[in-house]
Amino acid sequence: MRAIIVFAAVLLLAACAQQGSTPKPRGYFRIDLPEKKYQVFNEPGYPYTFEYPVYAQIVKDTLFFDEKAENPWWINIDIPQFNGKIYLSYKDIKGENSLDRLVNDAFKLTYKHTLKAESIEEEDINTENNVHGLFYEVAGNAASAKQFFVSDSTRHFLRGALYFYAPPNADSLAPLHSFLEADMWHLVKTLKWKAN
């Protein structure tokens, strides 16, 4: 009887060993990225023009924290298939909006992300269209991983920030950050100021 129990136990253990499962690594959904193509934003009355992706839409920003936007030239580049948005806020350099103040405000807004950021890297922006500023890459689980500000140093100031309507997970959003960073750089390189 003992031999039968031992044989059954060995047989049971052997059967369980053969059915063992291998844990699968954690993964993220595949993201299909569209082909890079651009269109021109050149609306009358706006003090700037630039190129933006054909898979995005320009939406006029009428509210800023539930209050009326400071001026009529604030827009958002909505990217619905990625549930993301590039917020563009424009300001004239005049009066209390000195260049120093606007640059300091942009710096403060970017560095508010230091609580979640692993690092913040800055890259100079200088184009032949008199567009100068900084591009920020915020590493880690920050709410906005890509930001920039640009100016002509005398009249125009534009700030951009990329946000997704999703929890800020640097690993899962990495392909989108990389893909849309190229679009943000294209916007900056094609940006031109208009005389009003």
N, C-alpha and C. Protein backbone atom coordinates (compact mmCIF):
# COMPACT_ATOMS: atom_id res chain seq x y z
N MET A 1 0.82 -1.19 0.00
CA MET A 1 0.00 0.00 0.00
C MET A 1 0.87 1.26 0.00
N ARG A 2 1.94 1.21 0.83
CA ARG A 2 2.84 2.36 0.89
C ARG A 2 3.52 2.58 -0.46
N ALA A 3 3.83 1.53 -1.17
CA ALA A 3 4.47 1.64 -2.47
C ALA A 3 3.54 2.31 -3.47
N ILE A 4 2.24 2.01 -3.38
CA ILE A 4 1.26 2.62 -4.29
C ILE A 4 1.15 4.12 -4.01
N ILE A 5 1.13 4.52 -2.73
CA ILE A 5 1.03 5.94 -2.36
C ILE A 5 2.28 6.69 -2.84
N VAL A 6 3.45 6.07 -2.62
CA VAL A 6 4.71 6.71 -3.05
C VAL A 6 4.73 6.83 -4.57
N PHE A 7 4.30 5.76 -5.27
CA PHE A 7 4.27 5.80 -6.73
C PHE A 7 3.30 6.87 -7.23
N ALA A 8 2.12 6.99 -6.61
CA ALA A 8 1.13 8.00 -7.00
C ALA A 8 1.66 9.41 -6.74
N ALA A 9 2.36 9.59 -5.60
CA ALA A 9 2.92 10.91 -5.28
C ALA A 9 3.99 11.29 -6.30
N VAL A 10 4.86 10.33 -6.67
CA VAL A 10 5.92 10.60 -7.65
C VAL A 10 5.29 10.92 -9.01
N LEU A 11 4.28 10.14 -9.38
CA LEU A 11 3.59 10.36 -10.64
C LEU A 11 2.93 11.74 -10.66
N LEU A 12 2.31 12.14 -9.56
CA LEU A 12 1.66 13.45 -9.46
C LEU A 12 2.68 14.58 -9.55
N LEU A 13 3.80 14.44 -8.86
CA LEU A 13 4.85 15.46 -8.93
C LEU A 13 5.44 15.55 -10.33
N ALA A 14 5.63 14.46 -10.99
CA ALA A 14 6.17 14.46 -12.35
C ALA A 14 5.20 15.15 -13.31
N ALA A 15 3.92 14.90 -13.13
CA ALA A 15 2.91 15.52 -13.99
C ALA A 15 2.88 17.03 -13.78
N CYS A 16 2.98 17.46 -12.53
CA CYS A 16 2.97 18.90 -12.23
C CYS A 16 4.21 19.59 -12.77
N ALA A 17 5.34 18.90 -12.72
CA ALA A 17 6.60 19.49 -13.18
C ALA A 17 6.55 19.72 -14.68
N GLN A 18 5.87 18.85 -15.41
CA GLN A 18 5.80 19.00 -16.85
C GLN A 18 4.84 20.12 -17.26
N GLN A 19 3.89 20.48 -16.42
CA GLN A 19 2.91 21.50 -16.76
C GLN A 19 3.29 22.88 -16.21
N GLY A 20 4.50 23.02 -15.78
CA GLY A 20 4.93 24.30 -15.20
C GLY A 20 4.79 25.44 -16.21
N SER A 21 4.46 26.59 -15.70
CA SER A 21 4.31 27.73 -16.60
C SER A 21 5.50 28.67 -16.43
N THR A 22 5.81 29.34 -17.51
CA THR A 22 6.89 30.30 -17.50
C THR A 22 6.28 31.70 -17.42
N PRO A 23 6.67 32.47 -16.42
CA PRO A 23 6.09 33.82 -16.34
C PRO A 23 6.54 34.66 -17.54
N LYS A 24 5.61 35.46 -18.05
CA LYS A 24 5.91 36.31 -19.19
C LYS A 24 6.30 37.70 -18.70
N PRO A 25 7.24 38.31 -19.38
CA PRO A 25 7.63 39.67 -18.97
C PRO A 25 6.49 40.65 -19.19
N ARG A 26 6.46 41.68 -18.36
CA ARG A 26 5.44 42.71 -18.49
C ARG A 26 5.67 43.48 -19.78
N GLY A 27 4.64 43.80 -20.47
CA GLY A 27 4.78 44.53 -21.74
C GLY A 27 3.71 45.59 -21.89
N TYR A 28 3.81 46.34 -22.96
CA TYR A 28 2.86 47.40 -23.27
C TYR A 28 2.27 47.15 -24.64
N PHE A 29 1.12 47.76 -24.90
CA PHE A 29 0.46 47.59 -26.18
C PHE A 29 1.33 48.17 -27.30
N ARG A 30 1.24 47.58 -28.44
CA ARG A 30 1.94 48.09 -29.61
C ARG A 30 1.25 49.36 -30.08
N ILE A 31 2.05 50.34 -30.44
CA ILE A 31 1.51 51.62 -30.92
C ILE A 31 1.89 51.75 -32.38
N ASP A 32 0.89 51.86 -33.25
CA ASP A 32 1.14 52.07 -34.67
C ASP A 32 1.35 53.56 -34.91
N LEU A 33 2.51 53.92 -35.40
CA LEU A 33 2.85 55.32 -35.62
C LEU A 33 2.61 55.69 -37.08
N PRO A 34 1.98 56.83 -37.32
CA PRO A 34 1.69 57.23 -38.70
C PRO A 34 2.94 57.75 -39.42
N GLU A 35 2.81 57.87 -40.72
CA GLU A 35 3.89 58.42 -41.54
C GLU A 35 4.02 59.92 -41.24
N LYS A 36 5.25 60.40 -41.22
CA LYS A 36 5.51 61.82 -40.94
C LYS A 36 5.15 62.65 -42.18
N LYS A 37 4.14 63.49 -42.04
CA LYS A 37 3.75 64.46 -43.07
C LYS A 37 3.30 65.71 -42.33
N TYR A 38 3.52 66.86 -42.94
CA TYR A 38 3.22 68.12 -42.26
C TYR A 38 2.35 69.02 -43.12
N GLN A 39 1.65 69.92 -42.43
CA GLN A 39 0.83 70.94 -43.07
C GLN A 39 1.17 72.27 -42.41
N VAL A 40 0.79 73.37 -43.07
CA VAL A 40 1.16 74.70 -42.60
C VAL A 40 0.02 75.31 -41.78
N PHE A 41 0.38 75.87 -40.62
CA PHE A 41 -0.54 76.72 -39.86
C PHE A 41 -0.15 78.15 -40.17
N ASN A 42 -1.03 78.87 -40.87
CA ASN A 42 -0.77 80.26 -41.24
C ASN A 42 -2.10 81.00 -41.28
N GLU A 43 -2.70 81.15 -40.11
CA GLU A 43 -4.00 81.80 -40.01
C GLU A 43 -3.86 83.32 -39.96
N PRO A 44 -4.76 84.05 -40.60
CA PRO A 44 -4.71 85.52 -40.54
C PRO A 44 -4.85 86.01 -39.09
N GLY A 45 -4.08 87.04 -38.77
CA GLY A 45 -4.16 87.63 -37.44
C GLY A 45 -3.23 87.01 -36.42
N TYR A 46 -2.70 85.83 -36.68
CA TYR A 46 -1.78 85.19 -35.75
C TYR A 46 -0.36 85.72 -36.01
N PRO A 47 0.42 85.94 -34.95
CA PRO A 47 1.76 86.52 -35.12
C PRO A 47 2.85 85.49 -35.46
N TYR A 48 2.44 84.29 -35.83
CA TYR A 48 3.40 83.24 -36.15
C TYR A 48 2.81 82.27 -37.15
N THR A 49 3.69 81.53 -37.80
CA THR A 49 3.31 80.46 -38.71
C THR A 49 4.30 79.31 -38.51
N PHE A 50 3.86 78.09 -38.73
CA PHE A 50 4.71 76.92 -38.55
C PHE A 50 4.08 75.73 -39.24
N GLU A 51 4.82 74.62 -39.30
CA GLU A 51 4.29 73.37 -39.83
C GLU A 51 4.01 72.41 -38.68
N TYR A 52 2.91 71.67 -38.80
CA TYR A 52 2.53 70.69 -37.77
C TYR A 52 2.03 69.42 -38.46
N PRO A 53 1.96 68.30 -37.76
CA PRO A 53 1.62 67.01 -38.39
C PRO A 53 0.20 66.97 -38.94
N VAL A 54 0.03 66.21 -40.02
CA VAL A 54 -1.30 66.06 -40.62
C VAL A 54 -2.22 65.21 -39.74
N TYR A 55 -1.67 64.43 -38.82
CA TYR A 55 -2.49 63.62 -37.93
C TYR A 55 -2.88 64.39 -36.67
N ALA A 56 -2.67 65.70 -36.68
CA ALA A 56 -3.02 66.56 -35.54
C ALA A 56 -4.02 67.62 -35.99
N GLN A 57 -4.66 68.25 -35.01
CA GLN A 57 -5.63 69.31 -35.29
C GLN A 57 -5.29 70.52 -34.43
N ILE A 58 -5.47 71.71 -35.01
CA ILE A 58 -5.27 72.94 -34.25
C ILE A 58 -6.61 73.30 -33.61
N VAL A 59 -6.56 73.54 -32.30
CA VAL A 59 -7.75 73.94 -31.54
C VAL A 59 -7.41 75.23 -30.80
N LYS A 60 -8.23 76.25 -31.00
CA LYS A 60 -7.99 77.51 -30.31
C LYS A 60 -8.24 77.32 -28.82
N ASP A 61 -7.30 77.79 -28.00
CA ASP A 61 -7.40 77.67 -26.55
C ASP A 61 -8.14 78.89 -26.02
N THR A 62 -9.37 78.69 -25.58
CA THR A 62 -10.18 79.82 -25.10
C THR A 62 -10.15 79.96 -23.59
N LEU A 63 -9.73 78.89 -22.89
CA LEU A 63 -9.69 78.94 -21.43
C LEU A 63 -8.30 78.61 -20.92
N PHE A 64 -7.92 79.28 -19.84
CA PHE A 64 -6.66 79.01 -19.16
C PHE A 64 -7.00 78.85 -17.69
N PHE A 65 -6.98 77.60 -17.20
CA PHE A 65 -7.40 77.30 -15.82
C PHE A 65 -8.79 77.89 -15.54
N ASP A 66 -9.73 77.59 -16.42
CA ASP A 66 -11.13 77.99 -16.31
C ASP A 66 -11.36 79.50 -16.40
N GLU A 67 -10.36 80.25 -16.80
CA GLU A 67 -10.51 81.68 -17.04
C GLU A 67 -10.22 81.94 -18.50
N LYS A 68 -10.68 83.10 -18.98
CA LYS A 68 -10.45 83.45 -20.38
C LYS A 68 -8.95 83.52 -20.65
N ALA A 69 -8.53 82.98 -21.81
CA ALA A 69 -7.11 83.00 -22.18
C ALA A 69 -6.62 84.44 -22.28
N GLU A 70 -5.34 84.61 -21.99
CA GLU A 70 -4.75 85.95 -21.94
C GLU A 70 -4.82 86.68 -23.27
N ASN A 71 -4.67 85.95 -24.36
CA ASN A 71 -4.76 86.58 -25.68
C ASN A 71 -5.32 85.59 -26.68
N PRO A 72 -5.72 86.05 -27.85
CA PRO A 72 -6.38 85.17 -28.82
C PRO A 72 -5.44 84.26 -29.60
N TRP A 73 -4.14 84.27 -29.31
CA TRP A 73 -3.18 83.50 -30.10
C TRP A 73 -2.71 82.23 -29.41
N TRP A 74 -3.36 81.86 -28.31
CA TRP A 74 -3.03 80.59 -27.65
C TRP A 74 -3.78 79.48 -28.36
N ILE A 75 -3.04 78.46 -28.76
CA ILE A 75 -3.66 77.32 -29.45
C ILE A 75 -3.11 76.02 -28.88
N ASN A 76 -3.79 74.94 -29.20
CA ASN A 76 -3.35 73.60 -28.83
C ASN A 76 -3.25 72.77 -30.10
N ILE A 77 -2.25 71.95 -30.16
CA ILE A 77 -2.14 70.98 -31.25
C ILE A 77 -2.61 69.66 -30.67
N ASP A 78 -3.82 69.29 -31.02
CA ASP A 78 -4.47 68.10 -30.48
C ASP A 78 -4.08 66.89 -31.32
N ILE A 79 -3.64 65.82 -30.66
CA ILE A 79 -3.25 64.59 -31.34
C ILE A 79 -4.15 63.47 -30.81
N PRO A 80 -5.38 63.38 -31.34
CA PRO A 80 -6.39 62.49 -30.75
C PRO A 80 -6.02 61.02 -30.74
N GLN A 81 -5.33 60.51 -31.75
CA GLN A 81 -5.03 59.07 -31.77
C GLN A 81 -4.06 58.66 -30.68
N PHE A 82 -3.32 59.63 -30.11
CA PHE A 82 -2.41 59.34 -29.00
C PHE A 82 -2.90 59.92 -27.69
N ASN A 83 -4.08 60.54 -27.71
CA ASN A 83 -4.64 61.14 -26.51
C ASN A 83 -3.67 62.16 -25.91
N GLY A 84 -3.06 62.95 -26.79
CA GLY A 84 -2.07 63.94 -26.36
C GLY A 84 -2.34 65.30 -26.93
N LYS A 85 -1.60 66.26 -26.41
CA LYS A 85 -1.80 67.64 -26.83
C LYS A 85 -0.51 68.43 -26.60
N ILE A 86 -0.18 69.29 -27.56
CA ILE A 86 0.91 70.25 -27.40
C ILE A 86 0.26 71.61 -27.17
N TYR A 87 0.45 72.14 -25.97
CA TYR A 87 -0.10 73.44 -25.62
C TYR A 87 0.87 74.53 -26.07
N LEU A 88 0.38 75.49 -26.86
CA LEU A 88 1.21 76.60 -27.30
C LEU A 88 0.64 77.90 -26.73
N SER A 89 1.44 78.59 -25.95
CA SER A 89 1.01 79.87 -25.38
C SER A 89 1.94 80.96 -25.88
N TYR A 90 1.35 81.97 -26.47
CA TYR A 90 2.08 83.08 -27.07
C TYR A 90 1.90 84.34 -26.23
N LYS A 91 2.96 85.13 -26.13
CA LYS A 91 2.87 86.42 -25.45
C LYS A 91 3.70 87.44 -26.20
N ASP A 92 3.18 88.67 -26.26
CA ASP A 92 3.97 89.79 -26.77
C ASP A 92 4.97 90.20 -25.71
N ILE A 93 6.17 90.55 -26.13
CA ILE A 93 7.16 91.07 -25.19
C ILE A 93 6.93 92.58 -25.10
N LYS A 94 6.29 92.98 -24.02
CA LYS A 94 6.06 94.41 -23.80
C LYS A 94 5.53 94.61 -22.38
N GLY A 95 5.70 95.82 -21.87
CA GLY A 95 5.21 96.14 -20.54
C GLY A 95 5.78 95.22 -19.49
N GLU A 96 4.88 94.68 -18.66
CA GLU A 96 5.34 93.77 -17.59
C GLU A 96 5.80 92.42 -18.12
N ASN A 97 5.48 92.12 -19.37
CA ASN A 97 5.95 90.88 -20.00
C ASN A 97 7.31 91.11 -20.65
N SER A 98 8.31 91.39 -19.83
CA SER A 98 9.67 91.55 -20.35
C SER A 98 10.20 90.17 -20.74
N LEU A 99 11.21 90.15 -21.58
CA LEU A 99 11.81 88.88 -22.00
C LEU A 99 12.33 88.12 -20.79
N ASP A 100 13.00 88.81 -19.87
CA ASP A 100 13.53 88.14 -18.67
C ASP A 100 12.42 87.47 -17.87
N ARG A 101 11.31 88.17 -17.70
CA ARG A 101 10.21 87.60 -16.92
C ARG A 101 9.61 86.37 -17.62
N LEU A 102 9.41 86.47 -18.93
CA LEU A 102 8.83 85.35 -19.68
C LEU A 102 9.75 84.13 -19.66
N VAL A 103 11.06 84.35 -19.80
CA VAL A 103 12.02 83.25 -19.75
C VAL A 103 12.02 82.62 -18.36
N ASN A 104 12.01 83.46 -17.32
CA ASN A 104 11.97 82.93 -15.95
C ASN A 104 10.69 82.15 -15.68
N ASP A 105 9.55 82.63 -16.18
CA ASP A 105 8.30 81.89 -16.02
C ASP A 105 8.36 80.53 -16.71
N ALA A 106 8.91 80.50 -17.93
CA ALA A 106 9.04 79.23 -18.67
C ALA A 106 9.97 78.28 -17.92
N PHE A 107 11.06 78.81 -17.38
CA PHE A 107 12.00 78.01 -16.60
C PHE A 107 11.30 77.43 -15.38
N LYS A 108 10.54 78.25 -14.65
CA LYS A 108 9.84 77.78 -13.45
C LYS A 108 8.82 76.70 -13.78
N LEU A 109 8.07 76.90 -14.88
CA LEU A 109 7.07 75.90 -15.26
C LEU A 109 7.71 74.56 -15.60
N THR A 110 8.85 74.60 -16.26
CA THR A 110 9.54 73.35 -16.58
C THR A 110 10.08 72.70 -15.32
N TYR A 111 10.70 73.47 -14.47
CA TYR A 111 11.36 72.89 -13.29
C TYR A 111 10.39 72.57 -12.15
N LYS A 112 9.10 72.85 -12.33
CA LYS A 112 8.10 72.34 -11.39
C LYS A 112 8.02 70.82 -11.44
N HIS A 113 8.50 70.25 -12.53
CA HIS A 113 8.45 68.81 -12.73
C HIS A 113 9.59 68.08 -12.02
N THR A 114 10.44 68.80 -11.30
CA THR A 114 11.59 68.15 -10.65
C THR A 114 11.18 67.13 -9.59
N LEU A 115 9.97 67.22 -9.05
CA LEU A 115 9.53 66.24 -8.07
C LEU A 115 9.46 64.83 -8.66
N LYS A 116 9.06 64.73 -9.92
CA LYS A 116 8.92 63.43 -10.58
C LYS A 116 10.04 63.16 -11.59
N ALA A 117 10.77 64.21 -11.96
CA ALA A 117 11.79 64.07 -13.01
C ALA A 117 13.05 63.40 -12.47
N GLU A 118 13.64 62.56 -13.31
CA GLU A 118 14.94 61.98 -12.99
C GLU A 118 16.05 62.94 -13.40
N SER A 119 15.80 63.67 -14.48
CA SER A 119 16.73 64.69 -14.95
C SER A 119 16.00 65.62 -15.91
N ILE A 120 16.58 66.80 -16.12
CA ILE A 120 16.06 67.74 -17.10
C ILE A 120 17.24 68.20 -17.94
N GLU A 121 17.16 67.91 -19.24
CA GLU A 121 18.23 68.31 -20.16
C GLU A 121 17.73 69.45 -21.02
N GLU A 122 18.62 70.41 -21.26
CA GLU A 122 18.30 71.59 -22.07
C GLU A 122 19.11 71.54 -23.36
N GLU A 123 18.47 71.92 -24.45
CA GLU A 123 19.17 72.02 -25.73
C GLU A 123 18.83 73.37 -26.35
N ASP A 124 19.86 74.07 -26.83
CA ASP A 124 19.66 75.39 -27.44
C ASP A 124 18.89 75.28 -28.74
N ILE A 125 18.07 76.29 -28.98
CA ILE A 125 17.33 76.42 -30.24
C ILE A 125 17.81 77.71 -30.91
N ASN A 126 18.29 77.60 -32.12
CA ASN A 126 18.70 78.75 -32.93
C ASN A 126 18.41 78.42 -34.38
N THR A 127 17.46 79.12 -34.99
CA THR A 127 17.15 78.87 -36.40
C THR A 127 17.45 80.11 -37.22
N GLU A 128 17.49 79.92 -38.52
CA GLU A 128 17.74 81.05 -39.42
C GLU A 128 16.54 81.99 -39.51
N ASN A 129 15.40 81.61 -38.91
CA ASN A 129 14.19 82.45 -38.93
C ASN A 129 14.11 83.36 -37.71
N ASN A 130 15.25 83.61 -37.04
CA ASN A 130 15.29 84.46 -35.85
C ASN A 130 14.46 83.87 -34.71
N VAL A 131 14.56 82.57 -34.54
CA VAL A 131 13.88 81.84 -33.47
C VAL A 131 14.97 81.28 -32.55
N HIS A 132 14.95 81.72 -31.30
CA HIS A 132 15.98 81.32 -30.33
C HIS A 132 15.30 80.91 -29.03
N GLY A 133 15.86 79.92 -28.34
CA GLY A 133 15.28 79.50 -27.07
C GLY A 133 15.91 78.22 -26.57
N LEU A 134 15.12 77.47 -25.81
CA LEU A 134 15.58 76.21 -25.21
C LEU A 134 14.52 75.13 -25.40
N PHE A 135 15.01 73.91 -25.63
CA PHE A 135 14.14 72.72 -25.69
C PHE A 135 14.49 71.89 -24.47
N TYR A 136 13.47 71.51 -23.70
CA TYR A 136 13.68 70.73 -22.47
C TYR A 136 13.22 69.29 -22.68
N GLU A 137 14.06 68.36 -22.24
CA GLU A 137 13.67 66.96 -22.18
C GLU A 137 13.66 66.56 -20.71
N VAL A 138 12.46 66.27 -20.21
CA VAL A 138 12.28 65.94 -18.80
C VAL A 138 12.17 64.42 -18.69
N ALA A 139 13.19 63.79 -18.11
CA ALA A 139 13.23 62.33 -18.00
C ALA A 139 12.50 61.88 -16.74
N GLY A 140 11.91 60.70 -16.80
CA GLY A 140 11.19 60.15 -15.65
C GLY A 140 9.70 60.25 -15.85
N ASN A 141 8.96 60.07 -14.77
CA ASN A 141 7.50 60.05 -14.83
C ASN A 141 6.89 61.44 -14.60
N ALA A 142 7.41 62.43 -15.29
CA ALA A 142 6.88 63.79 -15.20
C ALA A 142 5.66 63.93 -16.10
N ALA A 143 4.79 64.86 -15.77
CA ALA A 143 3.56 65.06 -16.54
C ALA A 143 3.84 65.54 -17.97
N SER A 144 4.87 66.36 -18.15
CA SER A 144 5.22 66.86 -19.47
C SER A 144 6.71 66.60 -19.73
N ALA A 145 7.00 65.66 -20.61
CA ALA A 145 8.39 65.24 -20.84
C ALA A 145 9.10 66.09 -21.89
N LYS A 146 8.36 66.82 -22.71
CA LYS A 146 8.95 67.63 -23.77
C LYS A 146 8.35 69.03 -23.70
N GLN A 147 9.23 70.03 -23.61
CA GLN A 147 8.79 71.43 -23.54
C GLN A 147 9.81 72.31 -24.25
N PHE A 148 9.37 73.49 -24.65
CA PHE A 148 10.30 74.45 -25.25
C PHE A 148 9.77 75.86 -25.04
N PHE A 149 10.66 76.82 -25.17
CA PHE A 149 10.26 78.21 -25.34
C PHE A 149 11.16 78.82 -26.39
N VAL A 150 10.58 79.72 -27.19
CA VAL A 150 11.32 80.40 -28.24
C VAL A 150 10.90 81.86 -28.30
N SER A 151 11.80 82.68 -28.85
CA SER A 151 11.55 84.11 -28.94
C SER A 151 12.41 84.71 -30.04
N ASP A 152 12.06 85.95 -30.43
CA ASP A 152 12.94 86.72 -31.30
C ASP A 152 13.72 87.74 -30.48
N SER A 153 13.52 87.71 -29.16
CA SER A 153 14.20 88.55 -28.17
C SER A 153 13.70 89.98 -28.09
N THR A 154 12.81 90.38 -28.99
CA THR A 154 12.33 91.77 -28.95
C THR A 154 10.81 91.89 -28.90
N ARG A 155 10.09 90.99 -29.57
CA ARG A 155 8.64 91.16 -29.67
C ARG A 155 7.81 89.91 -29.37
N HIS A 156 8.30 88.75 -29.81
CA HIS A 156 7.52 87.52 -29.76
C HIS A 156 8.08 86.52 -28.75
N PHE A 157 7.17 85.80 -28.07
CA PHE A 157 7.56 84.73 -27.14
C PHE A 157 6.53 83.62 -27.24
N LEU A 158 6.98 82.39 -27.45
CA LEU A 158 6.09 81.23 -27.60
C LEU A 158 6.62 80.09 -26.75
N ARG A 159 5.73 79.49 -25.98
CA ARG A 159 6.09 78.35 -25.14
C ARG A 159 5.24 77.16 -25.55
N GLY A 160 5.85 75.96 -25.60
CA GLY A 160 5.13 74.75 -25.95
C GLY A 160 5.40 73.65 -24.93
N ALA A 161 4.37 72.84 -24.65
CA ALA A 161 4.51 71.73 -23.71
C ALA A 161 3.63 70.58 -24.17
N LEU A 162 4.20 69.38 -24.17
CA LEU A 162 3.48 68.16 -24.59
C LEU A 162 2.93 67.45 -23.36
N TYR A 163 1.63 67.15 -23.41
CA TYR A 163 0.96 66.41 -22.34
C TYR A 163 0.15 65.28 -22.95
N PHE A 164 0.02 64.19 -22.19
CA PHE A 164 -0.86 63.09 -22.56
C PHE A 164 -1.93 62.95 -21.49
N TYR A 165 -3.13 62.58 -21.91
CA TYR A 165 -4.21 62.32 -20.95
C TYR A 165 -4.13 60.87 -20.52
N ALA A 166 -3.05 60.57 -19.80
CA ALA A 166 -2.76 59.22 -19.31
C ALA A 166 -1.80 59.37 -18.13
N PRO A 167 -1.75 58.37 -17.27
CA PRO A 167 -0.76 58.44 -16.18
C PRO A 167 0.65 58.59 -16.76
N PRO A 168 1.46 59.46 -16.18
CA PRO A 168 2.81 59.69 -16.73
C PRO A 168 3.76 58.53 -16.45
N ASN A 169 3.77 57.56 -17.32
CA ASN A 169 4.65 56.39 -17.20
C ASN A 169 5.70 56.49 -18.31
N ALA A 170 6.92 56.83 -17.93
CA ALA A 170 7.97 57.07 -18.92
C ALA A 170 8.21 55.87 -19.82
N ASP A 171 8.13 54.66 -19.30
CA ASP A 171 8.38 53.47 -20.11
C ASP A 171 7.32 53.28 -21.18
N SER A 172 6.05 53.35 -20.80
CA SER A 172 4.99 53.09 -21.78
C SER A 172 4.84 54.23 -22.78
N LEU A 173 5.18 55.46 -22.37
CA LEU A 173 5.04 56.61 -23.26
C LEU A 173 6.30 56.89 -24.07
N ALA A 174 7.38 56.18 -23.82
CA ALA A 174 8.66 56.45 -24.49
C ALA A 174 8.55 56.48 -26.02
N PRO A 175 7.86 55.53 -26.67
CA PRO A 175 7.77 55.61 -28.13
C PRO A 175 7.05 56.88 -28.61
N LEU A 176 6.01 57.29 -27.88
CA LEU A 176 5.28 58.50 -28.26
C LEU A 176 6.09 59.75 -27.99
N HIS A 177 6.80 59.78 -26.87
CA HIS A 177 7.66 60.93 -26.57
C HIS A 177 8.68 61.13 -27.69
N SER A 178 9.31 60.06 -28.10
CA SER A 178 10.31 60.13 -29.14
C SER A 178 9.69 60.56 -30.47
N PHE A 179 8.56 59.98 -30.81
CA PHE A 179 7.88 60.27 -32.07
C PHE A 179 7.44 61.73 -32.13
N LEU A 180 6.82 62.22 -31.05
CA LEU A 180 6.29 63.58 -31.05
C LEU A 180 7.36 64.63 -30.79
N GLU A 181 8.47 64.23 -30.18
CA GLU A 181 9.58 65.17 -30.03
C GLU A 181 10.06 65.63 -31.41
N ALA A 182 10.13 64.71 -32.36
CA ALA A 182 10.52 65.06 -33.72
C ALA A 182 9.55 66.08 -34.32
N ASP A 183 8.26 65.93 -34.04
CA ASP A 183 7.27 66.89 -34.53
C ASP A 183 7.43 68.25 -33.87
N MET A 184 7.76 68.26 -32.58
CA MET A 184 7.97 69.53 -31.88
C MET A 184 9.20 70.25 -32.44
N TRP A 185 10.26 69.49 -32.71
CA TRP A 185 11.44 70.11 -33.32
C TRP A 185 11.12 70.63 -34.71
N HIS A 186 10.31 69.90 -35.47
CA HIS A 186 9.92 70.37 -36.81
C HIS A 186 9.14 71.67 -36.70
N LEU A 187 8.24 71.75 -35.74
CA LEU A 187 7.48 72.97 -35.51
C LEU A 187 8.43 74.15 -35.24
N VAL A 188 9.38 73.94 -34.34
CA VAL A 188 10.33 75.00 -33.97
C VAL A 188 11.18 75.42 -35.17
N LYS A 189 11.64 74.45 -35.95
CA LYS A 189 12.52 74.77 -37.09
C LYS A 189 11.78 75.45 -38.23
N THR A 190 10.47 75.26 -38.31
CA THR A 190 9.69 75.90 -39.38
C THR A 190 8.96 77.15 -38.89
N LEU A 191 9.09 77.46 -37.61
CA LEU A 191 8.40 78.62 -37.03
C LEU A 191 8.96 79.92 -37.62
N LYS A 192 8.04 80.80 -38.00
CA LYS A 192 8.41 82.13 -38.49
C LYS A 192 7.51 83.15 -37.80
N TRP A 193 8.09 84.28 -37.44
CA TRP A 193 7.32 85.36 -36.84
C TRP A 193 6.72 86.22 -37.94
N LYS A 194 5.52 86.72 -37.72
CA LYS A 194 4.87 87.60 -38.69
C LYS A 194 4.79 89.00 -38.11
N ALA A 195 4.89 89.98 -38.95
CA ALA A 195 4.74 91.37 -38.51
C ALA A 195 3.26 91.71 -38.52
N ASN A 196 2.77 92.29 -37.42
CA ASN A 196 1.36 92.67 -37.35
C ASN A 196 1.18 94.11 -37.71
